Amino acid sequence: SAVDDIGNLLEQSHIGLLSSLSEGCPNSILEYISFGLPVLATRIEAITDVLGDDYEFLFEPGNEFDFAEKALKLLSSSELRKQTAGHLQRNVLPHYALNNMIQQFNMLIREDLRI
């Protein structure tokens, strides 16, 4: 069923899950992080570009045992969820802040125009 208040849903959630096999920029992951949720996601290129290839809670596509193991690990410890969410907010979210993205675009334009 449809959810009208995504913010309220995320505030009541324990983890953010993205089990996609194909993504562009996974905005849902950034939303999860901004709401203070740890993320459990498929190990695909677009997601590792955001979370990093060494992020602990990436599971292999089609591997339900890998998914279950990592989901249970996150769900069984509120302290681990809190630590993981804090790590993501400190180390991932700042890269996607508006000011940072504007600076990166300016650098690309300057490099392209050799200014």
N, C-alpha and C. Protein backbone atom coordinates (compact mmCIF):
# COMPACT_ATOMS: atom_id res chain seq x y z
N SER A 1 0.83 -1.19 0.00
CA SER A 1 0.00 0.00 0.00
C SER A 1 0.88 1.25 0.00
N ALA A 2 0.33 2.35 -0.46
CA ALA A 2 1.05 3.61 -0.56
C ALA A 2 1.25 4.24 0.81
N VAL A 3 2.35 4.93 0.96
CA VAL A 3 2.66 5.64 2.20
C VAL A 3 2.73 7.13 1.87
N ASP A 4 1.93 7.92 2.58
CA ASP A 4 1.91 9.36 2.34
C ASP A 4 2.98 10.11 3.12
N ASP A 5 3.36 9.60 4.28
CA ASP A 5 4.31 10.28 5.15
C ASP A 5 5.59 9.45 5.27
N ILE A 6 6.47 9.59 4.30
CA ILE A 6 7.72 8.81 4.28
C ILE A 6 8.58 9.13 5.49
N GLY A 7 8.64 10.40 5.86
CA GLY A 7 9.45 10.79 7.03
C GLY A 7 9.03 10.06 8.28
N ASN A 8 7.73 9.98 8.52
CA ASN A 8 7.23 9.27 9.70
C ASN A 8 7.57 7.78 9.63
N LEU A 9 7.45 7.20 8.45
CA LEU A 9 7.80 5.79 8.28
C LEU A 9 9.28 5.56 8.60
N LEU A 10 10.15 6.42 8.08
CA LEU A 10 11.58 6.26 8.33
C LEU A 10 11.93 6.49 9.80
N GLU A 11 11.23 7.43 10.46
CA GLU A 11 11.48 7.66 11.88
C GLU A 11 11.13 6.45 12.73
N GLN A 12 10.23 5.61 12.26
CA GLN A 12 9.82 4.42 13.00
C GLN A 12 10.62 3.17 12.60
N SER A 13 11.50 3.32 11.64
CA SER A 13 12.25 2.17 11.11
C SER A 13 13.55 1.96 11.89
N HIS A 14 14.06 0.73 11.82
CA HIS A 14 15.33 0.39 12.47
C HIS A 14 16.48 0.40 11.48
N ILE A 15 16.22 0.06 10.23
CA ILE A 15 17.24 0.05 9.19
C ILE A 15 16.63 0.54 7.89
N GLY A 16 17.50 0.96 6.98
CA GLY A 16 17.09 1.28 5.62
C GLY A 16 17.58 0.16 4.71
N LEU A 17 16.72 -0.38 3.89
CA LEU A 17 17.06 -1.52 3.03
C LEU A 17 16.91 -1.13 1.58
N LEU A 18 17.92 -1.42 0.78
CA LEU A 18 17.84 -1.26 -0.67
C LEU A 18 18.39 -2.53 -1.30
N SER A 19 17.48 -3.33 -1.85
CA SER A 19 17.88 -4.63 -2.42
C SER A 19 17.82 -4.61 -3.94
N SER A 20 18.17 -3.49 -4.50
CA SER A 20 18.11 -3.28 -5.94
C SER A 20 19.25 -4.00 -6.66
N LEU A 21 18.97 -4.38 -7.90
CA LEU A 21 20.02 -4.96 -8.74
C LEU A 21 20.58 -3.94 -9.72
N SER A 22 19.91 -2.79 -9.83
CA SER A 22 20.34 -1.74 -10.74
C SER A 22 19.92 -0.40 -10.17
N GLU A 23 20.84 0.55 -10.14
CA GLU A 23 20.57 1.88 -9.59
C GLU A 23 21.35 2.92 -10.37
N GLY A 24 20.83 4.13 -10.34
CA GLY A 24 21.61 5.30 -10.74
C GLY A 24 22.27 5.78 -9.46
N CYS A 25 21.97 6.98 -9.04
CA CYS A 25 22.40 7.43 -7.71
C CYS A 25 21.31 7.03 -6.74
N PRO A 26 21.60 6.16 -5.80
CA PRO A 26 20.57 5.65 -4.89
C PRO A 26 20.15 6.68 -3.84
N ASN A 27 19.23 7.57 -4.23
CA ASN A 27 18.77 8.63 -3.34
C ASN A 27 18.14 8.08 -2.07
N SER A 28 17.52 6.92 -2.14
CA SER A 28 16.90 6.35 -0.94
C SER A 28 17.95 6.11 0.14
N ILE A 29 19.15 5.74 -0.24
CA ILE A 29 20.21 5.52 0.75
C ILE A 29 20.55 6.84 1.45
N LEU A 30 20.62 7.91 0.69
CA LEU A 30 20.91 9.22 1.30
C LEU A 30 19.77 9.64 2.22
N GLU A 31 18.54 9.33 1.86
CA GLU A 31 17.40 9.62 2.73
C GLU A 31 17.49 8.80 4.01
N TYR A 32 17.80 7.51 3.90
CA TYR A 32 17.95 6.68 5.10
C TYR A 32 18.99 7.27 6.04
N ILE A 33 20.14 7.62 5.47
CA ILE A 33 21.23 8.16 6.28
C ILE A 33 20.82 9.46 6.95
N SER A 34 20.13 10.33 6.21
CA SER A 34 19.73 11.61 6.78
C SER A 34 18.73 11.44 7.92
N PHE A 35 18.00 10.32 7.93
CA PHE A 35 17.08 10.03 9.03
C PHE A 35 17.75 9.22 10.14
N GLY A 36 19.06 9.03 10.04
CA GLY A 36 19.80 8.36 11.10
C GLY A 36 19.66 6.85 11.09
N LEU A 37 19.42 6.28 9.90
CA LEU A 37 19.28 4.83 9.80
C LEU A 37 20.55 4.19 9.26
N PRO A 38 20.93 3.04 9.78
CA PRO A 38 21.97 2.26 9.13
C PRO A 38 21.39 1.67 7.85
N VAL A 39 22.23 1.35 6.91
CA VAL A 39 21.77 0.88 5.61
C VAL A 39 22.23 -0.55 5.39
N LEU A 40 21.30 -1.36 4.89
CA LEU A 40 21.59 -2.72 4.42
C LEU A 40 21.27 -2.71 2.93
N ALA A 41 22.25 -3.00 2.09
CA ALA A 41 22.04 -2.82 0.66
C ALA A 41 22.80 -3.86 -0.17
N THR A 42 22.35 -3.98 -1.40
CA THR A 42 22.97 -4.89 -2.36
C THR A 42 24.34 -4.35 -2.77
N ARG A 43 25.29 -5.25 -2.90
CA ARG A 43 26.63 -4.87 -3.34
C ARG A 43 26.61 -4.75 -4.87
N ILE A 44 26.23 -3.55 -5.33
CA ILE A 44 26.31 -3.23 -6.75
C ILE A 44 27.07 -1.91 -6.88
N GLU A 45 27.53 -1.62 -8.07
CA GLU A 45 28.43 -0.48 -8.27
C GLU A 45 27.87 0.85 -7.78
N ALA A 46 26.64 1.18 -8.12
CA ALA A 46 26.09 2.48 -7.72
C ALA A 46 26.02 2.62 -6.20
N ILE A 47 25.76 1.53 -5.52
CA ILE A 47 25.66 1.57 -4.06
C ILE A 47 27.04 1.62 -3.42
N THR A 48 27.98 0.85 -3.94
CA THR A 48 29.34 0.93 -3.39
C THR A 48 29.98 2.29 -3.69
N ASP A 49 29.56 2.95 -4.77
CA ASP A 49 30.05 4.31 -5.04
C ASP A 49 29.65 5.26 -3.92
N VAL A 50 28.49 5.04 -3.31
CA VAL A 50 28.01 5.90 -2.23
C VAL A 50 28.54 5.44 -0.88
N LEU A 51 28.41 4.16 -0.58
CA LEU A 51 28.74 3.65 0.75
C LEU A 51 30.19 3.22 0.91
N GLY A 52 30.85 2.95 -0.19
CA GLY A 52 32.22 2.44 -0.14
C GLY A 52 32.22 0.93 -0.27
N ASP A 53 33.20 0.41 -0.95
CA ASP A 53 33.27 -1.03 -1.18
C ASP A 53 33.50 -1.82 0.10
N ASP A 54 34.05 -1.19 1.12
CA ASP A 54 34.34 -1.88 2.38
C ASP A 54 33.24 -1.73 3.42
N TYR A 55 32.12 -1.11 3.05
CA TYR A 55 31.01 -0.97 3.99
C TYR A 55 30.51 -2.36 4.39
N GLU A 56 30.38 -2.57 5.68
CA GLU A 56 30.13 -3.90 6.24
C GLU A 56 28.77 -4.50 5.86
N PHE A 57 27.78 -3.67 5.62
CA PHE A 57 26.42 -4.19 5.46
C PHE A 57 25.94 -4.17 4.01
N LEU A 58 26.84 -4.57 3.12
CA LEU A 58 26.49 -4.81 1.72
C LEU A 58 26.40 -6.32 1.54
N PHE A 59 25.34 -6.77 0.89
CA PHE A 59 25.19 -8.20 0.65
C PHE A 59 25.24 -8.49 -0.84
N GLU A 60 25.69 -9.68 -1.15
CA GLU A 60 25.84 -10.08 -2.55
C GLU A 60 24.47 -10.32 -3.18
N PRO A 61 24.24 -9.80 -4.38
CA PRO A 61 22.96 -10.01 -5.06
C PRO A 61 22.63 -11.50 -5.18
N GLY A 62 21.41 -11.86 -4.84
CA GLY A 62 20.96 -13.25 -4.97
C GLY A 62 21.42 -14.17 -3.86
N ASN A 63 22.18 -13.66 -2.90
CA ASN A 63 22.68 -14.50 -1.81
C ASN A 63 21.86 -14.24 -0.56
N GLU A 64 20.79 -15.01 -0.40
CA GLU A 64 19.88 -14.79 0.73
C GLU A 64 20.53 -15.07 2.08
N PHE A 65 21.55 -15.91 2.11
CA PHE A 65 22.23 -16.20 3.36
C PHE A 65 23.09 -14.99 3.80
N ASP A 66 23.76 -14.37 2.84
CA ASP A 66 24.54 -13.17 3.12
C ASP A 66 23.61 -12.05 3.60
N PHE A 67 22.47 -11.88 2.92
CA PHE A 67 21.47 -10.90 3.33
C PHE A 67 21.00 -11.17 4.75
N ALA A 68 20.58 -12.40 5.02
CA ALA A 68 20.03 -12.75 6.33
C ALA A 68 21.05 -12.55 7.45
N GLU A 69 22.28 -12.96 7.21
CA GLU A 69 23.33 -12.81 8.22
C GLU A 69 23.54 -11.35 8.58
N LYS A 70 23.62 -10.49 7.57
CA LYS A 70 23.88 -9.08 7.82
C LYS A 70 22.65 -8.38 8.41
N ALA A 71 21.47 -8.78 7.97
CA ALA A 71 20.23 -8.21 8.53
C ALA A 71 20.10 -8.57 10.00
N LEU A 72 20.33 -9.82 10.33
CA LEU A 72 20.24 -10.25 11.73
C LEU A 72 21.26 -9.56 12.61
N LYS A 73 22.46 -9.37 12.08
CA LYS A 73 23.51 -8.68 12.84
C LYS A 73 23.07 -7.25 13.17
N LEU A 74 22.54 -6.54 12.18
CA LEU A 74 22.07 -5.17 12.42
C LEU A 74 20.86 -5.13 13.33
N LEU A 75 19.91 -6.01 13.08
CA LEU A 75 18.66 -5.98 13.84
C LEU A 75 18.82 -6.44 15.29
N SER A 76 19.87 -7.19 15.57
CA SER A 76 20.04 -7.72 16.93
C SER A 76 20.76 -6.77 17.87
N SER A 77 21.25 -5.63 17.38
CA SER A 77 22.01 -4.73 18.25
C SER A 77 21.65 -3.27 17.97
N SER A 78 20.94 -2.66 18.90
CA SER A 78 20.61 -1.25 18.74
C SER A 78 21.88 -0.39 18.78
N GLU A 79 22.87 -0.82 19.56
CA GLU A 79 24.13 -0.07 19.63
C GLU A 79 24.86 -0.12 18.28
N LEU A 80 24.90 -1.27 17.65
CA LEU A 80 25.54 -1.38 16.33
C LEU A 80 24.80 -0.52 15.30
N ARG A 81 23.47 -0.52 15.36
CA ARG A 81 22.69 0.32 14.44
C ARG A 81 23.03 1.79 14.65
N LYS A 82 23.13 2.20 15.90
CA LYS A 82 23.44 3.59 16.22
C LYS A 82 24.85 3.97 15.74
N GLN A 83 25.82 3.10 16.00
CA GLN A 83 27.20 3.35 15.57
C GLN A 83 27.30 3.41 14.05
N THR A 84 26.65 2.48 13.38
CA THR A 84 26.70 2.43 11.92
C THR A 84 26.04 3.66 11.31
N ALA A 85 24.88 4.05 11.84
CA ALA A 85 24.19 5.23 11.34
C ALA A 85 25.04 6.49 11.55
N GLY A 86 25.67 6.59 12.71
CA GLY A 86 26.53 7.74 12.99
C GLY A 86 27.71 7.81 12.03
N HIS A 87 28.31 6.66 11.77
CA HIS A 87 29.43 6.58 10.82
C HIS A 87 28.98 7.08 9.45
N LEU A 88 27.83 6.63 8.99
CA LEU A 88 27.33 7.03 7.68
C LEU A 88 27.03 8.53 7.63
N GLN A 89 26.45 9.06 8.70
CA GLN A 89 26.15 10.49 8.72
C GLN A 89 27.42 11.34 8.70
N ARG A 90 28.46 10.87 9.36
CA ARG A 90 29.72 11.63 9.40
C ARG A 90 30.53 11.47 8.12
N ASN A 91 30.51 10.29 7.51
CA ASN A 91 31.44 9.98 6.43
C ASN A 91 30.84 9.91 5.04
N VAL A 92 29.54 9.76 4.93
CA VAL A 92 28.92 9.65 3.60
C VAL A 92 28.11 10.89 3.27
N LEU A 93 27.22 11.27 4.16
CA LEU A 93 26.29 12.37 3.89
C LEU A 93 26.96 13.68 3.49
N PRO A 94 28.07 14.07 4.13
CA PRO A 94 28.70 15.34 3.75
C PRO A 94 29.10 15.42 2.27
N HIS A 95 29.42 14.30 1.65
CA HIS A 95 29.80 14.30 0.23
C HIS A 95 28.64 14.69 -0.68
N TYR A 96 27.43 14.58 -0.17
CA TYR A 96 26.24 14.86 -0.97
C TYR A 96 25.52 16.13 -0.54
N ALA A 97 26.15 16.91 0.33
CA ALA A 97 25.57 18.19 0.73
C ALA A 97 25.60 19.14 -0.47
N LEU A 98 24.62 20.01 -0.56
CA LEU A 98 24.47 20.90 -1.71
C LEU A 98 25.72 21.73 -1.95
N ASN A 99 26.28 22.35 -0.91
CA ASN A 99 27.47 23.18 -1.10
C ASN A 99 28.65 22.38 -1.63
N ASN A 100 28.81 21.18 -1.15
CA ASN A 100 29.90 20.33 -1.61
C ASN A 100 29.70 19.96 -3.08
N MET A 101 28.47 19.63 -3.46
CA MET A 101 28.20 19.27 -4.85
C MET A 101 28.42 20.47 -5.78
N ILE A 102 28.06 21.67 -5.35
CA ILE A 102 28.29 22.87 -6.16
C ILE A 102 29.79 23.08 -6.36
N GLN A 103 30.57 22.92 -5.29
CA GLN A 103 32.02 23.07 -5.40
C GLN A 103 32.61 22.05 -6.36
N GLN A 104 32.12 20.81 -6.31
CA GLN A 104 32.63 19.78 -7.20
C GLN A 104 32.29 20.08 -8.66
N PHE A 105 31.06 20.57 -8.92
CA PHE A 105 30.69 20.95 -10.28
C PHE A 105 31.54 22.11 -10.76
N ASN A 106 31.79 23.09 -9.90
CA ASN A 106 32.64 24.22 -10.28
C ASN A 106 34.04 23.75 -10.65
N MET A 107 34.59 22.82 -9.88
CA MET A 107 35.92 22.29 -10.18
C MET A 107 35.93 21.59 -11.53
N LEU A 108 34.89 20.79 -11.82
CA LEU A 108 34.81 20.11 -13.12
C LEU A 108 34.74 21.11 -14.27
N ILE A 109 33.93 22.14 -14.10
CA ILE A 109 33.80 23.16 -15.15
C ILE A 109 35.11 23.87 -15.37
N ARG A 110 35.78 24.25 -14.28
CA ARG A 110 37.06 24.94 -14.40
C ARG A 110 38.11 24.06 -15.08
N GLU A 111 38.13 22.77 -14.74
CA GLU A 111 39.08 21.86 -15.37
C GLU A 111 38.77 21.73 -16.85
N ASP A 112 37.50 21.64 -17.20
CA ASP A 112 37.12 21.48 -18.59
C ASP A 112 37.44 22.74 -19.41
N LEU A 113 37.23 23.89 -18.79
CA LEU A 113 37.50 25.17 -19.48
C LEU A 113 38.92 25.64 -19.27
N ARG A 114 39.68 24.93 -18.43
CA ARG A 114 41.05 25.28 -18.09
C ARG A 114 41.15 26.72 -17.57
N ILE A 115 40.27 27.04 -16.63
CA ILE A 115 40.26 28.38 -16.03
C ILE A 115 41.23 28.41 -14.87
